[in-house]
Amino acid sequence: MLSLENVSKVYRVGTFGGKELHAVNNVSFSIGEGEVVSLIGESGSGKSTIGKMILLLLSITSGKIFFEGQDISLIQNDETKDYYRRVQGVFQDPYSSYNPIFKADRIFQMIHDEFYPNLDSVFWKEKVNAALQDVGLNPQHVLNKFPHQLSGGQLQRFLIARVLLLDIKFLVADEIISMLDASVRIDVLNLLAGLKKRGLSVLFITHDLSLANYISENAIILYHGCITEKGSTEKIFENPFHPYTQMLISAVPRLDHKWNTPINTEINRAPTGIPRGCVYSDRCPLVFERCQERPQLVEIEPNHFVACWKVE
């Protein structure tokens, strides 16, 4: 359904734009119909940049993104509405998606006016109520309220109800539960799982490995804009091969034993310019001379790829 082919995003930084910051560097992956893929990495790894390029909020410096066989970089202004009818995003901070001077359910009226202007108001009201009930909200309790009168979890479910109203095919879920209470998170995850059964494809952007393990079949580990490991979520978590993946998993607190200090949790700034070797070499405890060259993704077992010279 969606595929990225050698996608990069480069920003001009420094005095007079004299330097380049490679936020995303030569990234390729695909997501099938009804599939949830987790994009995992630390802050600044390029996860949200990839999501914004898919949503046409950022331009692509190089490479291509295809949705249902169409190169989205060729989408013209008059085709944008049709694209957003099929592809939508839900972001980390639900409060930033609402204008505080308007009632929260104004987002539903905007969808009606933009995408369903000829739909009967009575039928539309029934459609809105059904969407709210599908996300576990009582329409009588949440409609006609301002954003500050609703919790973050309720506002986030509002946004997912908007997705249901559009009957989209692909969702970019960018840290959508990181600001929610623990008691609400599982409900939102189960809601996404239910949407998946309807055929919805999801790019689940997160830095929480436990959530990725719960929701997705496949995972992509991103570091400084480069893919270090990708494939089956189960295989990556049971047999993490790249030192960065091992560090991320070792940094997850566990209840069954005392939390040990991870391998190396020092976070370095994103490198400027084109990385000449392995992007993780300055933090890797296993670095050696070959790491001055850029490793390519190699399949170490079916549906498990790693970019690391350890493979040899």
Protein backbone atom coordinates (compact mmCIF):
# COMPACT_ATOMS: atom_id res chain seq x y z
CA MET A 1 0.00 0.00 0.00
CA LEU A 2 2.75 2.45 1.00
CA SER A 3 6.42 2.23 0.13
CA LEU A 4 9.45 4.47 0.61
CA GLU A 5 12.35 4.14 -1.82
CA ASN A 6 15.69 5.68 -0.79
CA VAL A 7 13.97 8.64 0.86
CA SER A 8 16.12 11.43 2.33
CA LYS A 9 15.36 14.77 3.95
CA VAL A 10 18.13 17.38 4.17
CA TYR A 11 17.92 20.75 5.92
CA ARG A 12 20.21 23.70 5.34
CA VAL A 13 21.59 24.82 8.72
CA GLY A 14 24.33 27.03 10.11
CA THR A 15 25.31 30.54 9.11
CA PHE A 16 23.68 31.38 5.74
CA GLY A 17 22.72 27.72 5.37
CA GLY A 18 26.28 26.65 4.79
CA LYS A 19 25.85 23.20 6.34
CA GLU A 20 23.52 20.29 5.78
CA LEU A 21 21.58 18.32 8.38
CA HIS A 22 20.50 14.88 7.17
CA ALA A 23 17.33 14.25 9.17
CA VAL A 24 16.45 11.18 7.08
CA ASN A 25 19.07 9.33 5.08
CA ASN A 26 18.27 6.84 2.32
CA VAL A 27 15.34 5.11 4.05
CA SER A 28 13.38 2.34 2.32
CA PHE A 29 10.50 0.21 3.64
CA SER A 30 6.96 -0.78 2.76
CA ILE A 31 3.66 -1.27 4.58
CA GLY A 32 0.95 -3.58 3.30
CA GLU A 33 -2.81 -3.39 3.61
CA GLY A 34 -4.04 -3.98 7.16
CA GLU A 35 -0.47 -3.98 8.52
CA VAL A 36 0.89 -2.09 11.52
CA VAL A 37 4.57 -1.18 11.32
CA SER A 38 6.35 0.46 14.25
CA LEU A 39 9.00 3.11 13.61
CA ILE A 40 11.22 3.12 16.70
CA GLY A 41 14.04 5.40 17.78
CA GLU A 42 15.22 8.08 20.16
CA SER A 43 14.16 11.70 19.89
CA GLY A 44 15.80 13.30 16.87
CA SER A 45 16.15 10.05 14.95
CA GLY A 46 13.91 11.24 12.09
CA LYS A 47 10.72 9.34 12.93
CA SER A 48 8.35 12.31 12.82
CA THR A 49 10.09 13.70 9.73
CA ILE A 50 9.20 10.51 7.84
CA GLY A 51 5.60 10.76 9.04
CA LYS A 52 5.33 14.39 7.93
CA MET A 53 6.70 13.57 4.48
CA ILE A 54 4.06 10.85 4.09
CA LEU A 55 1.41 13.40 5.11
CA LEU A 56 2.73 15.97 2.59
CA LEU A 57 3.64 18.34 5.44
CA LEU A 58 7.31 18.25 4.41
CA SER A 59 8.86 17.99 0.99
CA ILE A 60 11.13 15.09 0.04
CA THR A 61 14.74 16.00 -0.70
CA SER A 62 15.44 12.81 -2.65
CA GLY A 63 13.86 9.42 -3.21
CA LYS A 64 10.19 8.59 -3.70
CA ILE A 65 7.15 7.70 -1.62
CA PHE A 66 4.41 5.68 -3.30
CA PHE A 67 0.85 5.27 -2.02
CA GLU A 68 -1.23 2.70 -3.87
CA GLY A 69 1.25 2.97 -6.74
CA GLN A 70 1.09 6.77 -6.97
CA ASP A 71 4.16 8.95 -6.43
CA ILE A 72 2.86 11.37 -3.79
CA SER A 73 5.43 14.02 -4.73
CA LEU A 74 3.47 14.46 -7.99
CA ILE A 75 0.18 15.19 -6.23
CA GLN A 76 -1.19 18.57 -7.36
CA ASN A 77 -3.28 20.96 -5.29
CA ASP A 78 -6.58 19.69 -6.66
CA GLU A 79 -5.61 16.10 -5.77
CA THR A 80 -4.63 16.83 -2.17
CA LYS A 81 -8.17 16.51 -0.80
CA ASP A 82 -8.55 13.05 -2.32
CA TYR A 83 -5.21 12.02 -0.79
CA TYR A 84 -6.24 13.22 2.67
CA ARG A 85 -9.48 11.32 2.31
CA ARG A 86 -7.34 8.16 2.27
CA VAL A 87 -4.34 9.18 4.44
CA GLN A 88 -4.49 10.98 7.77
CA GLY A 89 -2.28 11.57 10.83
CA VAL A 90 -2.80 11.74 14.59
CA PHE A 91 -0.03 13.42 16.57
CA GLN A 92 1.47 13.33 20.04
CA ASP A 93 -0.14 16.37 21.64
CA PRO A 94 -3.93 16.25 21.15
CA TYR A 95 -4.37 19.78 22.56
CA SER A 96 -2.35 21.28 19.69
CA SER A 97 -4.90 19.94 17.18
CA TYR A 98 -7.74 22.07 18.57
CA ASN A 99 -8.45 25.77 18.59
CA PRO A 100 -9.26 26.58 22.23
CA ILE A 101 -11.88 29.20 21.30
CA PHE A 102 -13.99 26.63 19.40
CA LYS A 103 -15.78 23.59 20.74
CA ALA A 104 -13.88 20.33 20.19
CA ASP A 105 -16.51 18.79 17.91
CA ARG A 106 -15.90 21.58 15.37
CA ILE A 107 -13.45 19.17 13.74
CA PHE A 108 -16.44 17.01 12.75
CA GLN A 109 -18.26 19.98 11.22
CA MET A 110 -15.14 20.86 9.21
CA ILE A 111 -15.02 17.31 7.82
CA HIS A 112 -18.71 17.54 6.90
CA ASP A 113 -18.27 20.86 5.11
CA GLU A 114 -15.10 19.82 3.30
CA PHE A 115 -15.72 16.18 2.39
CA TYR A 116 -19.47 15.54 2.77
CA PRO A 117 -21.22 18.88 2.05
CA ASN A 118 -24.27 17.23 0.53
CA LEU A 119 -24.83 14.72 3.33
CA ASP A 120 -28.08 15.16 5.24
CA SER A 121 -27.49 16.70 8.68
CA VAL A 122 -29.57 14.06 10.48
CA PHE A 123 -27.63 11.23 8.84
CA TRP A 124 -24.35 13.03 9.57
CA LYS A 125 -25.24 13.33 13.25
CA GLU A 126 -25.90 9.60 13.39
CA LYS A 127 -22.57 8.97 11.67
CA VAL A 128 -20.72 11.16 14.19
CA ASN A 129 -22.42 9.46 17.14
CA ALA A 130 -21.51 6.03 15.77
CA ALA A 131 -17.85 7.07 15.31
CA LEU A 132 -17.67 8.40 18.88
CA GLN A 133 -19.18 5.20 20.27
CA ASP A 134 -16.65 3.16 18.28
CA VAL A 135 -13.82 4.95 20.13
CA GLY A 136 -15.46 4.45 23.51
CA LEU A 137 -16.98 7.90 23.98
CA ASN A 138 -20.53 8.80 24.96
CA PRO A 139 -21.72 11.52 22.51
CA GLN A 140 -23.95 13.08 25.15
CA HIS A 141 -20.99 13.53 27.49
CA VAL A 142 -18.40 14.93 25.07
CA LEU A 143 -20.15 16.84 22.29
CA ASN A 144 -20.54 20.61 22.51
CA LYS A 145 -17.62 20.95 24.92
CA PHE A 146 -14.48 23.05 24.66
CA PRO A 147 -11.07 21.33 24.53
CA HIS A 148 -10.17 22.34 28.09
CA GLN A 149 -13.31 20.57 29.33
CA LEU A 150 -12.09 17.22 27.98
CA SER A 151 -9.14 15.06 29.00
CA GLY A 152 -6.19 14.33 26.73
CA GLY A 153 -7.46 10.80 26.20
CA GLN A 154 -10.89 12.05 25.15
CA LEU A 155 -9.37 14.57 22.74
CA GLN A 156 -7.13 11.90 21.24
CA ARG A 157 -10.16 9.65 20.73
CA PHE A 158 -11.92 12.58 19.04
CA LEU A 159 -9.10 12.64 16.50
CA ILE A 160 -9.36 8.90 15.93
CA ALA A 161 -13.14 9.29 15.49
CA ARG A 162 -12.32 11.82 12.77
CA VAL A 163 -10.33 9.06 11.08
CA LEU A 164 -13.34 6.74 11.24
CA LEU A 165 -15.58 9.39 9.67
CA LEU A 166 -13.25 9.70 6.70
CA ASP A 167 -12.95 5.91 6.36
CA ILE A 168 -9.25 6.29 5.56
CA LYS A 169 -6.87 3.56 4.40
CA PHE A 170 -3.61 4.67 6.02
CA LEU A 171 -2.90 6.29 9.38
CA VAL A 172 0.30 7.93 10.61
CA ALA A 173 0.12 7.55 14.41
CA ASP A 174 2.91 9.74 15.76
CA GLU A 175 3.44 9.10 19.51
CA ILE A 176 -0.34 9.20 19.92
CA ILE A 177 -0.41 7.72 23.42
CA SER A 178 2.76 9.14 24.97
CA MET A 179 0.78 11.91 26.71
CA LEU A 180 -2.06 9.66 27.86
CA ASP A 181 -2.54 8.04 31.25
CA ALA A 182 -1.44 4.42 31.50
CA SER A 183 -5.04 3.35 32.11
CA VAL A 184 -6.08 4.88 28.77
CA ARG A 185 -3.16 3.70 26.64
CA ILE A 186 -4.28 0.10 26.31
CA ASP A 187 -7.73 1.24 25.18
CA VAL A 188 -6.24 3.34 22.37
CA LEU A 189 -3.94 0.49 21.33
CA ASN A 190 -6.86 -1.94 21.26
CA LEU A 191 -8.79 0.61 19.20
CA LEU A 192 -5.96 0.67 16.65
CA ALA A 193 -5.96 -3.12 16.61
CA GLY A 194 -9.68 -3.05 15.86
CA LEU A 195 -9.16 -0.59 13.00
CA LYS A 196 -6.44 -2.86 11.65
CA LYS A 197 -8.96 -5.70 11.39
CA ARG A 198 -11.03 -3.41 9.16
CA GLY A 199 -8.09 -3.16 6.76
CA LEU A 200 -6.49 0.06 8.04
CA SER A 201 -2.71 0.27 7.64
CA VAL A 202 -0.79 2.11 10.36
CA LEU A 203 2.69 3.60 10.71
CA PHE A 204 3.05 3.58 14.50
CA ILE A 205 5.79 6.05 15.45
CA THR A 206 7.07 5.53 18.97
CA HIS A 207 10.10 5.44 21.26
CA ASP A 208 8.40 2.93 23.57
CA LEU A 209 9.52 -0.58 22.65
CA SER A 210 6.85 -2.31 24.75
CA LEU A 211 4.08 -0.56 22.83
CA ALA A 212 5.67 -1.45 19.50
CA ASN A 213 5.97 -5.08 20.55
CA TYR A 214 2.29 -5.11 21.52
CA ILE A 215 0.78 -3.49 18.43
CA SER A 216 2.93 -4.25 15.37
CA GLU A 217 3.91 -7.21 13.20
CA ASN A 218 7.00 -5.50 11.80
CA ALA A 219 9.34 -2.90 13.23
CA ILE A 220 11.95 -0.47 11.94
CA ILE A 221 14.78 0.77 14.19
CA LEU A 222 15.93 4.26 13.19
CA TYR A 223 19.07 6.08 14.35
CA HIS A 224 20.17 9.51 13.09
CA GLY A 225 17.88 9.13 10.08
CA CYS A 226 19.23 5.71 9.06
CA ILE A 227 17.66 2.27 9.41
CA THR A 228 19.87 0.08 11.59
CA GLU A 229 17.53 -2.92 11.87
CA LYS A 230 14.13 -3.88 10.47
CA GLY A 231 11.86 -6.87 10.03
CA SER A 232 9.60 -9.03 12.16
CA THR A 233 8.92 -7.38 15.53
CA GLU A 234 9.11 -10.75 17.26
CA LYS A 235 12.49 -11.59 15.73
CA ILE A 236 13.98 -8.17 16.46
CA PHE A 237 12.91 -8.27 20.09
CA GLU A 238 13.87 -11.89 20.68
CA ASN A 239 17.15 -11.67 18.79
CA PRO A 240 18.30 -8.02 18.65
CA PHE A 241 21.44 -8.00 16.55
CA HIS A 242 22.46 -4.35 16.13
CA PRO A 243 24.19 -2.84 19.19
CA TYR A 244 21.77 0.11 19.06
CA THR A 245 18.75 -2.21 19.24
CA GLN A 246 20.38 -4.08 22.11
CA MET A 247 20.93 -0.78 23.93
CA LEU A 248 17.28 0.25 23.45
CA ILE A 249 16.00 -3.07 24.79
CA SER A 250 18.42 -3.03 27.73
CA ALA A 251 17.13 0.46 28.62
CA VAL A 252 13.57 -0.81 29.16
CA PRO A 253 12.89 -1.19 32.93
CA ARG A 254 11.68 -4.64 34.02
CA LEU A 255 9.68 -5.71 37.05
CA ASP A 256 11.30 -9.12 37.53
CA HIS A 257 14.83 -7.92 38.36
CA LYS A 258 16.83 -4.83 39.24
CA TRP A 259 17.35 -2.43 36.36
CA ASN A 260 20.96 -2.57 35.18
CA THR A 261 22.74 0.28 33.47
CA PRO A 262 22.27 -0.06 29.67
CA ILE A 263 25.23 -0.51 27.34
CA ASN A 264 25.45 3.16 26.34
CA THR A 265 22.61 5.63 26.74
CA GLU A 266 24.59 8.77 25.91
CA ILE A 267 22.69 10.68 23.24
CA ASN A 268 24.75 12.54 20.67
CA ARG A 269 23.58 15.34 18.46
CA ALA A 270 22.48 14.45 14.94
CA PRO A 271 25.50 14.60 12.62
CA THR A 272 25.67 17.24 9.92
CA GLY A 273 26.81 16.35 6.44
CA ILE A 274 26.61 12.86 4.95
CA PRO A 275 27.70 10.18 7.47
CA ARG A 276 30.79 8.48 6.08
CA GLY A 277 30.62 5.33 8.13
CA CYS A 278 28.24 3.63 10.52
CA VAL A 279 26.10 6.33 12.14
CA TYR A 280 26.25 4.48 15.47
CA SER A 281 30.04 4.05 15.54
CA ASP A 282 30.63 6.89 18.02
CA ARG A 283 28.49 5.10 20.64
CA CYS A 284 29.05 1.46 19.76
CA PRO A 285 31.10 -0.60 22.26
CA LEU A 286 32.03 -3.04 19.46
CA VAL A 287 33.38 -0.52 16.96
CA PHE A 288 36.37 -1.55 14.83
CA GLU A 289 38.18 -0.30 11.74
CA ARG A 290 35.57 -1.53 9.22
CA CYS A 291 32.95 0.71 10.87
CA GLN A 292 34.50 3.67 9.03
CA GLU A 293 32.56 2.36 6.02
CA ARG A 294 28.78 2.58 5.75
CA PRO A 295 27.15 -0.86 6.31
CA GLN A 296 24.21 -1.95 4.19
CA LEU A 297 21.12 -3.80 5.37
CA VAL A 298 21.72 -7.55 5.23
CA GLU A 299 19.11 -10.26 5.82
CA ILE A 300 20.43 -12.41 8.69
CA GLU A 301 17.27 -14.55 8.82
CA PRO A 302 13.92 -14.44 7.00
CA ASN A 303 12.36 -10.99 7.46
CA HIS A 304 15.14 -9.72 9.72
CA PHE A 305 17.58 -7.16 8.27
CA VAL A 306 20.55 -5.51 10.00
CA ALA A 307 22.99 -2.78 8.95
CA CYS A 308 26.07 -3.78 10.92
CA TRP A 309 29.52 -5.12 10.04
CA LYS A 310 29.10 -7.71 12.82
CA VAL A 311 27.15 -9.76 10.28
CA GLU A 312 30.43 -10.78 8.66
